[in-house]
Amino acid sequence: MMNSEIAACGLFCGACPQKSRGKCPGCRDNEKAVWCKVRKCCLEHGWQSCADCTTTTSDKCKVFNNFYAKLFSFIFRSDRQGCVGRIREVGYEAFAEEMRLAGRMNRPVTKK
C-alpha cells in the first residue's frame, strides 16, 4: 500500500505546510506535476519512491539527479538522497513516523 505522505523522490509530504492546508495533494496525486521526471518514473514502474528502484542507485540515476531536482534540493535545502537511503534502511512506515515526530519534510532523521 502506498503512503501518500511520501513523495516519489523520498521527501516527506506529511510535514509540508501546503499539504496540511489542503493546497497540495502531494506529488503522487498531483496531476499538475507532469514536469517531475522522478514522479513519472516511479508511476511507470509502480514504485512508491526511488527507494524501490531496482535498476540503479539514486546517486547514479540521471532522472533522480536532473537539473530541476538539483535546483529544488538547493532552494529547499532538501536531502532527497538521504531520505531515500533512510527509507531503504528502516522502511516506509518507520521513516514516515520518524519524520512526523521530528516535524521534518526534507531532511531524514538519522539514528546513531
PDB file of N, CA and C in Angstrom:
ATOM      1  N   MET A   1       0.839  -1.185   0.000  1.00  0.00           N
ATOM      2  CA  MET A   1       0.000   0.000   0.000  1.00  0.00           C
ATOM      3  C   MET A   1       0.882   1.246   0.000  1.00  0.00           C
ATOM      4  N   MET A   2       0.545   2.203  -0.830  1.00  0.00           N
ATOM      5  CA  MET A   2       1.313   3.430  -0.970  1.00  0.00           C
ATOM      6  C   MET A   2       1.014   4.398   0.165  1.00  0.00           C
ATOM      7  N   ASN A   3       2.050   5.049   0.655  1.00  0.00           N
ATOM      8  CA  ASN A   3       1.911   6.062   1.695  1.00  0.00           C
ATOM      9  C   ASN A   3       1.870   7.421   0.995  1.00  0.00           C
ATOM     10  N   SER A   4       0.737   8.096   1.017  1.00  0.00           N
ATOM     11  CA  SER A   4       0.581   9.367   0.301  1.00  0.00           C
ATOM     12  C   SER A   4       1.384  10.499   0.932  1.00  0.00           C
ATOM     13  N   GLU A   5       1.955  10.249   2.115  1.00  0.00           N
ATOM     14  CA  GLU A   5       2.772  11.268   2.764  1.00  0.00           C
ATOM     15  C   GLU A   5       4.207  11.280   2.249  1.00  0.00           C
ATOM     16  N   ILE A   6       4.588  10.271   1.475  1.00  0.00           N
ATOM     17  CA  ILE A   6       5.956  10.173   0.969  1.00  0.00           C
ATOM     18  C   ILE A   6       5.958  10.398  -0.534  1.00  0.00           C
ATOM     19  N   ALA A   7       6.746  11.390  -0.948  1.00  0.00           N
ATOM     20  CA  ALA A   7       6.843  11.746  -2.365  1.00  0.00           C
ATOM     21  C   ALA A   7       7.691  10.723  -3.119  1.00  0.00           C
ATOM     22  N   ALA A   8       7.596  10.737  -4.421  1.00  0.00           N
ATOM     23  CA  ALA A   8       8.364   9.823  -5.264  1.00  0.00           C
ATOM     24  C   ALA A   8       9.867   9.971  -5.042  1.00  0.00           C
ATOM     25  N   CYS A   9      10.316  11.177  -4.742  1.00  0.00           N
ATOM     26  CA  CYS A   9      11.745  11.425  -4.533  1.00  0.00           C
ATOM     27  C   CYS A   9      12.185  11.132  -3.108  1.00  0.00           C
ATOM     28  N   GLY A  10      11.267  10.724  -2.238  1.00  0.00           N
ATOM     29  CA  GLY A  10      11.612  10.366  -0.875  1.00  0.00           C
ATOM     30  C   GLY A  10      11.320  11.429   0.159  1.00  0.00           C
ATOM     31  N   LEU A  11      10.959  12.623  -0.259  1.00  0.00           N
ATOM     32  CA  LEU A  11      10.649  13.666   0.715  1.00  0.00           C
ATOM     33  C   LEU A  11       9.351  13.325   1.434  1.00  0.00           C
ATOM     34  N   PHE A  12       9.201  13.845   2.644  1.00  0.00           N
ATOM     35  CA  PHE A  12       8.035  13.543   3.460  1.00  0.00           C
ATOM     36  C   PHE A  12       7.016  14.677   3.354  1.00  0.00           C
ATOM     37  N   CYS A  13       5.981  14.471   2.574  1.00  0.00           N
ATOM     38  CA  CYS A  13       4.947  15.483   2.352  1.00  0.00           C
ATOM     39  C   CYS A  13       4.069  15.708   3.587  1.00  0.00           C
ATOM     40  N   GLY A  14       4.072  14.759   4.504  1.00  0.00           N
ATOM     41  CA  GLY A  14       3.225  14.859   5.686  1.00  0.00           C
ATOM     42  C   GLY A  14       3.524  16.068   6.559  1.00  0.00           C
ATOM     43  N   ALA A  15       4.736  16.623   6.465  1.00  0.00           N
ATOM     44  CA  ALA A  15       5.103  17.800   7.261  1.00  0.00           C
ATOM     45  C   ALA A  15       5.076  19.084   6.430  1.00  0.00           C
ATOM     46  N   CYS A  16       4.597  18.999   5.219  1.00  0.00           N
ATOM     47  CA  CYS A  16       4.566  20.167   4.329  1.00  0.00           C
ATOM     48  C   CYS A  16       3.383  21.066   4.677  1.00  0.00           C
ATOM     49  N   PRO A  17       3.631  22.350   4.901  1.00  0.00           N
ATOM     50  CA  PRO A  17       2.540  23.263   5.230  1.00  0.00           C
ATOM     51  C   PRO A  17       1.481  23.351   4.127  1.00  0.00           C
ATOM     52  N   GLN A  18       1.885  23.288   2.873  1.00  0.00           N
ATOM     53  CA  GLN A  18       0.931  23.358   1.758  1.00  0.00           C
ATOM     54  C   GLN A  18      -0.005  22.147   1.769  1.00  0.00           C
ATOM     55  N   LYS A  19       0.557  20.976   2.027  1.00  0.00           N
ATOM     56  CA  LYS A  19      -0.271  19.762   2.064  1.00  0.00           C
ATOM     57  C   LYS A  19      -1.214  19.793   3.265  1.00  0.00           C
ATOM     58  N   SER A  20      -0.710  20.233   4.418  1.00  0.00           N
ATOM     59  CA  SER A  20      -1.559  20.255   5.615  1.00  0.00           C
ATOM     60  C   SER A  20      -2.700  21.259   5.499  1.00  0.00           C
ATOM     61  N   ARG A  21      -2.524  22.298   4.673  1.00  0.00           N
ATOM     62  CA  ARG A  21      -3.598  23.278   4.448  1.00  0.00           C
ATOM     63  C   ARG A  21      -4.499  22.879   3.288  1.00  0.00           C
ATOM     64  N   GLY A  22      -4.233  21.732   2.695  1.00  0.00           N
ATOM     65  CA  GLY A  22      -5.058  21.256   1.589  1.00  0.00           C
ATOM     66  C   GLY A  22      -4.772  21.940   0.261  1.00  0.00           C
ATOM     67  N   LYS A  23      -3.641  22.620   0.164  1.00  0.00           N
ATOM     68  CA  LYS A  23      -3.301  23.334  -1.069  1.00  0.00           C
ATOM     69  C   LYS A  23      -2.464  22.507  -2.025  1.00  0.00           C
ATOM     70  N   CYS A  24      -2.027  21.339  -1.568  1.00  0.00           N
ATOM     71  CA  CYS A  24      -1.244  20.446  -2.415  1.00  0.00           C
ATOM     72  C   CYS A  24      -1.642  19.014  -2.094  1.00  0.00           C
ATOM     73  N   PRO A  25      -1.925  18.210  -3.103  1.00  0.00           N
ATOM     74  CA  PRO A  25      -2.308  16.824  -2.854  1.00  0.00           C
ATOM     75  C   PRO A  25      -1.110  15.892  -2.647  1.00  0.00           C
ATOM     76  N   GLY A  26       0.100  16.426  -2.757  1.00  0.00           N
ATOM     77  CA  GLY A  26       1.290  15.576  -2.744  1.00  0.00           C
ATOM     78  C   GLY A  26       1.594  15.174  -4.172  1.00  0.00           C
ATOM     79  N   CYS A  27       2.789  14.744  -4.438  1.00  0.00           N
ATOM     80  CA  CYS A  27       3.167  14.528  -5.840  1.00  0.00           C
ATOM     81  C   CYS A  27       2.429  13.381  -6.510  1.00  0.00           C
ATOM     82  N   ARG A  28       2.174  12.307  -5.794  1.00  0.00           N
ATOM     83  CA  ARG A  28       1.546  11.138  -6.418  1.00  0.00           C
ATOM     84  C   ARG A  28       0.187  11.474  -7.027  1.00  0.00           C
ATOM     85  N   ASP A  29      -0.630  12.235  -6.312  1.00  0.00           N
ATOM     86  CA  ASP A  29      -1.973  12.567  -6.780  1.00  0.00           C
ATOM     87  C   ASP A  29      -2.068  13.914  -7.484  1.00  0.00           C
ATOM     88  N   ASN A  30      -0.951  14.597  -7.640  1.00  0.00           N
ATOM     89  CA  ASN A  30      -0.950  15.919  -8.255  1.00  0.00           C
ATOM     90  C   ASN A  30      -0.816  15.797  -9.770  1.00  0.00           C
ATOM     91  N   GLU A  31      -1.924  15.901 -10.462  1.00  0.00           N
ATOM     92  CA  GLU A  31      -1.931  15.786 -11.923  1.00  0.00           C
ATOM     93  C   GLU A  31      -1.181  16.931 -12.604  1.00  0.00           C
ATOM     94  N   LYS A  32      -0.945  18.023 -11.884  1.00  0.00           N
ATOM     95  CA  LYS A  32      -0.198  19.155 -12.445  1.00  0.00           C
ATOM     96  C   LYS A  32       1.310  18.930 -12.383  1.00  0.00           C
ATOM     97  N   ALA A  33       1.749  17.895 -11.703  1.00  0.00           N
ATOM     98  CA  ALA A  33       3.182  17.639 -11.534  1.00  0.00           C
ATOM     99  C   ALA A  33       3.758  16.819 -12.684  1.00  0.00           C
ATOM    100  N   VAL A  34       3.266  17.025 -13.894  1.00  0.00           N
ATOM    101  CA  VAL A  34       3.761  16.281 -15.047  1.00  0.00           C
ATOM    102  C   VAL A  34       5.209  16.635 -15.369  1.00  0.00           C
ATOM    103  N   TRP A  35       5.689  17.759 -14.871  1.00  0.00           N
ATOM    104  CA  TRP A  35       7.067  18.179 -15.090  1.00  0.00           C
ATOM    105  C   TRP A  35       8.055  17.325 -14.308  1.00  0.00           C
ATOM    106  N   CYS A  36       7.605  16.602 -13.272  1.00  0.00           N
ATOM    107  CA  CYS A  36       8.503  15.851 -12.393  1.00  0.00           C
ATOM    108  C   CYS A  36       8.846  14.493 -13.004  1.00  0.00           C
ATOM    109  N   LYS A  37      10.081  14.355 -13.452  1.00  0.00           N
ATOM    110  CA  LYS A  37      10.525  13.114 -14.080  1.00  0.00           C
ATOM    111  C   LYS A  37      10.651  11.973 -13.070  1.00  0.00           C
ATOM    112  N   VAL A  38      10.961  12.308 -11.832  1.00  0.00           N
ATOM    113  CA  VAL A  38      11.063  11.290 -10.791  1.00  0.00           C
ATOM    114  C   VAL A  38       9.687  10.675 -10.548  1.00  0.00           C
ATOM    115  N   ARG A  39       8.682  11.514 -10.424  1.00  0.00           N
ATOM    116  CA  ARG A  39       7.304  11.050 -10.230  1.00  0.00           C
ATOM    117  C   ARG A  39       6.880  10.158 -11.392  1.00  0.00           C
ATOM    118  N   LYS A  40       7.157  10.614 -12.609  1.00  0.00           N
ATOM    119  CA  LYS A  40       6.783   9.866 -13.807  1.00  0.00           C
ATOM    120  C   LYS A  40       7.441   8.490 -13.819  1.00  0.00           C
ATOM    121  N   CYS A  41       8.723   8.443 -13.494  1.00  0.00           N
ATOM    122  CA  CYS A  41       9.448   7.173 -13.474  1.00  0.00           C
ATOM    123  C   CYS A  41       8.849   6.223 -12.439  1.00  0.00           C
ATOM    124  N   CYS A  42       8.593   6.738 -11.243  1.00  0.00           N
ATOM    125  CA  CYS A  42       8.025   5.888 -10.188  1.00  0.00           C
ATOM    126  C   CYS A  42       6.630   5.383 -10.554  1.00  0.00           C
ATOM    127  N   LEU A  43       5.818   6.246 -11.132  1.00  0.00           N
ATOM    128  CA  LEU A  43       4.476   5.826 -11.549  1.00  0.00           C
ATOM    129  C   LEU A  43       4.549   4.756 -12.633  1.00  0.00           C
ATOM    130  N   GLU A  44       5.458   4.938 -13.605  1.00  0.00           N
ATOM    131  CA  GLU A  44       5.602   3.971 -14.693  1.00  0.00           C
ATOM    132  C   GLU A  44       6.037   2.596 -14.185  1.00  0.00           C
ATOM    133  N   HIS A  45       6.860   2.577 -13.148  1.00  0.00           N
ATOM    134  CA  HIS A  45       7.363   1.314 -12.609  1.00  0.00           C
ATOM    135  C   HIS A  45       6.522   0.753 -11.457  1.00  0.00           C
ATOM    136  N   GLY A  46       5.535   1.539 -10.996  1.00  0.00           N
ATOM    137  CA  GLY A  46       4.697   1.092  -9.895  1.00  0.00           C
ATOM    138  C   GLY A  46       5.386   1.176  -8.539  1.00  0.00           C
ATOM    139  N   TRP A  47       6.388   2.041  -8.439  1.00  0.00           N
ATOM    140  CA  TRP A  47       7.135   2.208  -7.193  1.00  0.00           C
ATOM    141  C   TRP A  47       6.521   3.307  -6.343  1.00  0.00           C
ATOM    142  N   GLN A  48       6.612   3.161  -5.028  1.00  0.00           N
ATOM    143  CA  GLN A  48       6.230   4.217  -4.087  1.00  0.00           C
ATOM    144  C   GLN A  48       7.198   5.390  -4.234  1.00  0.00           C
ATOM    145  N   SER A  49       8.490   5.078  -4.264  1.00  0.00           N
ATOM    146  CA  SER A  49       9.517   6.118  -4.395  1.00  0.00           C
ATOM    147  C   SER A  49      10.764   5.509  -5.017  1.00  0.00           C
ATOM    148  N   CYS A  50      11.781   6.328  -5.155  1.00  0.00           N
ATOM    149  CA  CYS A  50      13.060   5.862  -5.691  1.00  0.00           C
ATOM    150  C   CYS A  50      13.713   4.812  -4.798  1.00  0.00           C
ATOM    151  N   ALA A  51      13.279   4.699  -3.561  1.00  0.00           N
ATOM    152  CA  ALA A  51      13.810   3.674  -2.664  1.00  0.00           C
ATOM    153  C   ALA A  51      13.490   2.273  -3.176  1.00  0.00           C
ATOM    154  N   ASP A  52      12.478   2.137  -4.019  1.00  0.00           N
ATOM    155  CA  ASP A  52      12.086   0.835  -4.566  1.00  0.00           C
ATOM    156  C   ASP A  52      12.801   0.509  -5.875  1.00  0.00           C
ATOM    157  N   CYS A  53      13.578   1.439  -6.388  1.00  0.00           N
ATOM    158  CA  CYS A  53      14.228   1.264  -7.697  1.00  0.00           C
ATOM    159  C   CYS A  53      15.175   0.077  -7.685  1.00  0.00           C
ATOM    160  N   THR A  54      15.083  -0.725  -8.717  1.00  0.00           N
ATOM    161  CA  THR A  54      15.939  -1.896  -8.850  1.00  0.00           C
ATOM    162  C   THR A  54      16.918  -1.763 -10.015  1.00  0.00           C
ATOM    163  N   THR A  55      16.864  -0.653 -10.733  1.00  0.00           N
ATOM    164  CA  THR A  55      17.717  -0.505 -11.907  1.00  0.00           C
ATOM    165  C   THR A  55      19.048   0.191 -11.624  1.00  0.00           C
ATOM    166  N   THR A  56      19.070   1.094 -10.666  1.00  0.00           N
ATOM    167  CA  THR A  56      20.305   1.803 -10.339  1.00  0.00           C
ATOM    168  C   THR A  56      20.187   2.416  -8.950  1.00  0.00           C
ATOM    169  N   THR A  57      21.264   2.945  -8.460  1.00  0.00           N
ATOM    170  CA  THR A  57      21.211   3.666  -7.192  1.00  0.00           C
ATOM    171  C   THR A  57      20.862   5.117  -7.494  1.00  0.00           C
ATOM    172  N   SER A  58      20.185   5.773  -6.571  1.00  0.00           N
ATOM    173  CA  SER A  58      19.723   7.135  -6.824  1.00  0.00           C
ATOM    174  C   SER A  58      20.862   8.115  -7.033  1.00  0.00           C
ATOM    175  N   ASP A  59      22.054   7.844  -6.505  1.00  0.00           N
ATOM    176  CA  ASP A  59      23.163   8.769  -6.719  1.00  0.00           C
ATOM    177  C   ASP A  59      23.689   8.704  -8.150  1.00  0.00           C
ATOM    178  N   LYS A  60      23.383   7.624  -8.878  1.00  0.00           N
ATOM    179  CA  LYS A  60      23.832   7.481 -10.266  1.00  0.00           C
ATOM    180  C   LYS A  60      22.708   7.662 -11.285  1.00  0.00           C
ATOM    181  N   CYS A  61      21.503   7.855 -10.803  1.00  0.00           N
ATOM    182  CA  CYS A  61      20.341   7.952 -11.687  1.00  0.00           C
ATOM    183  C   CYS A  61      20.216   9.351 -12.280  1.00  0.00           C
ATOM    184  N   LYS A  62      20.141   9.416 -13.602  1.00  0.00           N
ATOM    185  CA  LYS A  62      20.011  10.705 -14.279  1.00  0.00           C
ATOM    186  C   LYS A  62      18.624  11.317 -14.101  1.00  0.00           C
ATOM    187  N   VAL A  63      17.622  10.501 -13.852  1.00  0.00           N
ATOM    188  CA  VAL A  63      16.273  11.010 -13.595  1.00  0.00           C
ATOM    189  C   VAL A  63      16.232  11.652 -12.208  1.00  0.00           C
ATOM    190  N   PHE A  64      16.764  10.960 -11.226  1.00  0.00           N
ATOM    191  CA  PHE A  64      16.770  11.448  -9.845  1.00  0.00           C
ATOM    192  C   PHE A  64      17.648  12.694  -9.698  1.00  0.00           C
ATOM    193  N   ASN A  65      18.720  12.755 -10.445  1.00  0.00           N
ATOM    194  CA  ASN A  65      19.684  13.854 -10.338  1.00  0.00           C
ATOM    195  C   ASN A  65      19.621  14.825 -11.511  1.00  0.00           C
ATOM    196  N   ASN A  66      18.444  15.093 -12.017  1.00  0.00           N
ATOM    197  CA  ASN A  66      18.313  16.032 -13.130  1.00  0.00           C
ATOM    198  C   ASN A  66      18.452  17.484 -12.639  1.00  0.00           C
ATOM    199  N   PHE A  67      18.497  18.410 -13.564  1.00  0.00           N
ATOM    200  CA  PHE A  67      18.707  19.824 -13.238  1.00  0.00           C
ATOM    201  C   PHE A  67      17.663  20.351 -12.252  1.00  0.00           C
ATOM    202  N   TYR A  68      16.397  20.078 -12.500  1.00  0.00           N
ATOM    203  CA  TYR A  68      15.327  20.592 -11.636  1.00  0.00           C
ATOM    204  C   TYR A  68      15.411  19.996 -10.235  1.00  0.00           C
ATOM    205  N   ALA A  69      15.775  18.729 -10.154  1.00  0.00           N
ATOM    206  CA  ALA A  69      15.911  18.082  -8.852  1.00  0.00           C
ATOM    207  C   ALA A  69      17.038  18.729  -8.050  1.00  0.00           C
ATOM    208  N   LYS A  70      18.144  19.015  -8.715  1.00  0.00           N
ATOM    209  CA  LYS A  70      19.266  19.675  -8.032  1.00  0.00           C
ATOM    210  C   LYS A  70      18.884  21.081  -7.597  1.00  0.00           C
ATOM    211  N   LEU A  71      18.156  21.788  -8.446  1.00  0.00           N
ATOM    212  CA  LEU A  71      17.704  23.134  -8.123  1.00  0.00           C
ATOM    213  C   LEU A  71      16.738  23.090  -6.933  1.00  0.00           C
ATOM    214  N   PHE A  72      15.797  22.182  -6.962  1.00  0.00           N
ATOM    215  CA  PHE A  72      14.839  22.006  -5.878  1.00  0.00           C
ATOM    216  C   PHE A  72      15.567  21.709  -4.567  1.00  0.00           C
ATOM    217  N   SER A  73      16.549  20.807  -4.625  1.00  0.00           N
ATOM    218  CA  SER A  73      17.309  20.450  -3.429  1.00  0.00           C
ATOM    219  C   SER A  73      18.050  21.657  -2.858  1.00  0.00           C
ATOM    220  N   PHE A  74      18.591  22.472  -3.733  1.00  0.00           N
ATOM    221  CA  PHE A  74      19.325  23.654  -3.289  1.00  0.00           C
ATOM    222  C   PHE A  74      18.391  24.689  -2.659  1.00  0.00           C
ATOM    223  N   ILE A  75      17.306  24.993  -3.342  1.00  0.00           N
ATOM    224  CA  ILE A  75      16.370  26.015  -2.867  1.00  0.00           C
ATOM    225  C   ILE A  75      15.739  25.615  -1.533  1.00  0.00           C
ATOM    226  N   PHE A  76      15.307  24.388  -1.419  1.00  0.00           N
ATOM    227  CA  PHE A  76      14.606  23.939  -0.225  1.00  0.00           C
ATOM    228  C   PHE A  76      15.512  23.226   0.779  1.00  0.00           C
ATOM    229  N   ARG A  77      16.812  23.209   0.498  1.00  0.00           N
ATOM    230  CA  ARG A  77      17.790  22.561   1.377  1.00  0.00           C
ATOM    231  C   ARG A  77      17.366  21.147   1.735  1.00  0.00           C
ATOM    232  N   SER A  78      16.975  20.423   0.729  1.00  0.00           N
ATOM    233  CA  SER A  78      16.481  19.069   0.956  1.00  0.00           C
ATOM    234  C   SER A  78      17.563  18.031   0.674  1.00  0.00           C
ATOM    235  N   ASP A  79      17.466  16.931   1.342  1.00  0.00           N
ATOM    236  CA  ASP A  79      18.380  15.814   1.178  1.00  0.00           C
ATOM    237  C   ASP A  79      17.576  14.596   0.720  1.00  0.00           C
ATOM    238  N   ARG A  80      17.206  14.630  -0.539  1.00  0.00           N
ATOM    239  CA  ARG A  80      16.403  13.536  -1.087  1.00  0.00           C
ATOM    240  C   ARG A  80      17.176  12.224  -1.062  1.00  0.00           C
ATOM    241  N   GLN A  81      18.477  12.299  -1.349  1.00  0.00           N
ATOM    242  CA  GLN A  81      19.319  11.108  -1.326  1.00  0.00           C
ATOM    243  C   GLN A  81      19.304  10.484   0.069  1.00  0.00           C
ATOM    244  N   GLY A  82      19.413  11.318   1.086  1.00  0.00           N
ATOM    245  CA  GLY A  82      19.374  10.835   2.464  1.00  0.00           C
ATOM    246  C   GLY A  82      18.029  10.233   2.817  1.00  0.00           C
ATOM    247  N   CYS A  83      16.948  10.853   2.330  1.00  0.00           N
ATOM    248  CA  CYS A  83      15.606  10.329   2.593  1.00  0.00           C
ATOM    249  C   CYS A  83      15.423   8.955   1.959  1.00  0.00           C
ATOM    250  N   VAL A  84      15.858   8.818   0.709  1.00  0.00           N
ATOM    251  CA  VAL A  84      15.752   7.527   0.021  1.00  0.00           C
ATOM    252  C   VAL A  84      16.570   6.474   0.767  1.00  0.00           C
ATOM    253  N   GLY A  85      17.766   6.845   1.192  1.00  0.00           N
ATOM    254  CA  GLY A  85      18.602   5.916   1.948  1.00  0.00           C
ATOM    255  C   GLY A  85      17.954   5.489   3.255  1.00  0.00           C
ATOM    256  N   ARG A  86      17.331   6.444   3.944  1.00  0.00           N
ATOM    257  CA  ARG A  86      16.681   6.135   5.220  1.00  0.00           C
ATOM    258  C   ARG A  86      15.471   5.227   5.015  1.00  0.00           C
ATOM    259  N   ILE A  87      14.708   5.457   3.933  1.00  0.00           N
ATOM    260  CA  ILE A  87      13.570   4.582   3.623  1.00  0.00           C
ATOM    261  C   ILE A  87      14.066   3.156   3.390  1.00  0.00           C
ATOM    262  N   ARG A  88      15.152   3.020   2.644  1.00  0.00           N
ATOM    263  CA  ARG A  88      15.710   1.685   2.388  1.00  0.00           C
ATOM    264  C   ARG A  88      16.169   1.030   3.683  1.00  0.00           C
ATOM    265  N   GLU A  89      16.657   1.826   4.608  1.00  0.00           N
ATOM    266  CA  GLU A  89      17.182   1.307   5.871  1.00  0.00           C
ATOM    267  C   GLU A  89      16.085   0.856   6.828  1.00  0.00           C
ATOM    268  N   VAL A  90      15.030   1.680   6.987  1.00  0.00           N
ATOM    269  CA  VAL A  90      14.018   1.392   8.009  1.00  0.00           C
ATOM    270  C   VAL A  90      12.630   1.071   7.459  1.00  0.00           C
ATOM    271  N   GLY A  91      12.399   1.313   6.185  1.00  0.00           N
ATOM    272  CA  GLY A  91      11.082   1.075   5.598  1.00  0.00           C
ATOM    273  C   GLY A  91      10.222   2.327   5.612  1.00  0.00           C
ATOM    274  N   TYR A  92       9.153   2.293   4.850  1.00  0.00           N
ATOM    275  CA  TYR A  92       8.297   3.475   4.659  1.00  0.00           C
ATOM    276  C   TYR A  92       7.600   3.931   5.929  1.00  0.00           C
ATOM    277  N   GLU A  93       6.991   2.998   6.636  1.00  0.00           N
ATOM    278  CA  GLU A  93       6.206   3.406   7.809  1.00  0.00           C
ATOM    279  C   GLU A  93       7.087   3.969   8.920  1.00  0.00           C
ATOM    280  N   ALA A  94       8.229   3.330   9.167  1.00  0.00           N
ATOM    281  CA  ALA A  94       9.140   3.838  10.203  1.00  0.00           C
ATOM    282  C   ALA A  94       9.702   5.198   9.794  1.00  0.00           C
ATOM    283  N   PHE A  95      10.037   5.357   8.512  1.00  0.00           N
ATOM    284  CA  PHE A  95      10.523   6.642   8.010  1.00  0.00           C
ATOM    285  C   PHE A  95       9.468   7.731   8.207  1.00  0.00           C
ATOM    286  N   ALA A  96       8.239   7.433   7.830  1.00  0.00           N
ATOM    287  CA  ALA A  96       7.152   8.411   7.970  1.00  0.00           C
ATOM    288  C   ALA A  96       6.950   8.789   9.429  1.00  0.00           C
ATOM    289  N   GLU A  97       7.002   7.813  10.317  1.00  0.00           N
ATOM    290  CA  GLU A  97       6.819   8.082  11.742  1.00  0.00           C
ATOM    291  C   GLU A  97       7.957   8.961  12.281  1.00  0.00           C
ATOM    292  N   GLU A  98       9.185   8.659  11.887  1.00  0.00           N
ATOM    293  CA  GLU A  98      10.327   9.476  12.311  1.00  0.00           C
ATOM    294  C   GLU A  98      10.165  10.923  11.849  1.00  0.00           C
ATOM    295  N   MET A  99       9.798  11.084  10.605  1.00  0.00           N
ATOM    296  CA  MET A  99       9.667  12.427  10.024  1.00  0.00           C
ATOM    297  C   MET A  99       8.493  13.167  10.662  1.00  0.00           C
ATOM    298  N   ARG A 100       7.409  12.459  10.898  1.00  0.00           N
ATOM    299  CA  ARG A 100       6.233  13.043  11.542  1.00  0.00           C
ATOM    300  C   ARG A 100       6.595  13.556  12.938  1.00  0.00           C
ATOM    301  N   LEU A 101       7.274  12.738  13.712  1.00  0.00           N
ATOM    302  CA  LEU A 101       7.672  13.116  15.063  1.00  0.00           C
ATOM    303  C   LEU A 101       8.666  14.278  15.072  1.00  0.00           C
ATOM    304  N   ALA A 102       9.554  14.310  14.090  1.00  0.00           N
ATOM    305  CA  ALA A 102      10.559  15.375  14.012  1.00  0.00           C
ATOM    306  C   ALA A 102      10.005  16.640  13.369  1.00  0.00           C
ATOM    307  N   GLY A 103       8.849  16.532  12.699  1.00  0.00           N
ATOM    308  CA  GLY A 103       8.269  17.682  12.007  1.00  0.00           C
ATOM    309  C   GLY A 103       9.078  18.099  10.798  1.00  0.00           C
ATOM    310  N   ARG A 104       9.715  17.129  10.168  1.00  0.00           N
ATOM    311  CA  ARG A 104      10.578  17.416   9.011  1.00  0.00           C
ATOM    312  C   ARG A 104       9.921  16.936   7.723  1.00  0.00           C
ATOM    313  N   MET A 105      10.336  17.578   6.637  1.00  0.00           N
ATOM    314  CA  MET A 105       9.870  17.096   5.347  1.00  0.00           C
ATOM    315  C   MET A 105      11.010  16.855   4.365  1.00  0.00           C
ATOM    316  N   ASN A 106      12.158  17.475   4.594  1.00  0.00           N
ATOM    317  CA  ASN A 106      13.186  17.414   3.559  1.00  0.00           C
ATOM    318  C   ASN A 106      14.549  16.943   4.010  1.00  0.00           C
ATOM    319  N   ARG A 107      14.695  16.550   5.253  1.00  0.00           N
ATOM    320  CA  ARG A 107      15.956  16.005   5.747  1.00  0.00           C
ATOM    321  C   ARG A 107      15.654  14.802   6.626  1.00  0.00           C
ATOM    322  N   PRO A 108      16.291  13.663   6.347  1.00  0.00           N
ATOM    323  CA  PRO A 108      15.973  12.466   7.121  1.00  0.00           C
ATOM    324  C   PRO A 108      16.454  12.571   8.554  1.00  0.00           C
ATOM    325  N   VAL A 109      15.789  11.856   9.416  1.00  0.00           N
ATOM    326  CA  VAL A 109      16.208  11.726  10.803  1.00  0.00           C
ATOM    327  C   VAL A 109      17.244  10.605  10.810  1.00  0.00           C
ATOM    328  N   THR A 110      18.367  10.860  11.406  1.00  0.00           N
ATOM    329  CA  THR A 110      19.386   9.813  11.457  1.00  0.00           C
ATOM    330  C   THR A 110      19.528   9.326  12.880  1.00  0.00           C
ATOM    331  N   LYS A 111      19.537   8.041  13.025  1.00  0.00           N
ATOM    332  CA  LYS A 111      19.683   7.416  14.338  1.00  0.00           C
ATOM    333  C   LYS A 111      21.142   6.961  14.478  1.00  0.00           C
ATOM    334  N   LYS A 112      21.688   7.158  15.640  1.00  0.00           N
ATOM    335  CA  LYS A 112      23.078   6.747  15.861  1.00  0.00           C
ATOM    336  C   LYS A 112      23.118   5.539  16.749  1.00  0.00           C
TER     337      LYS A 112
END
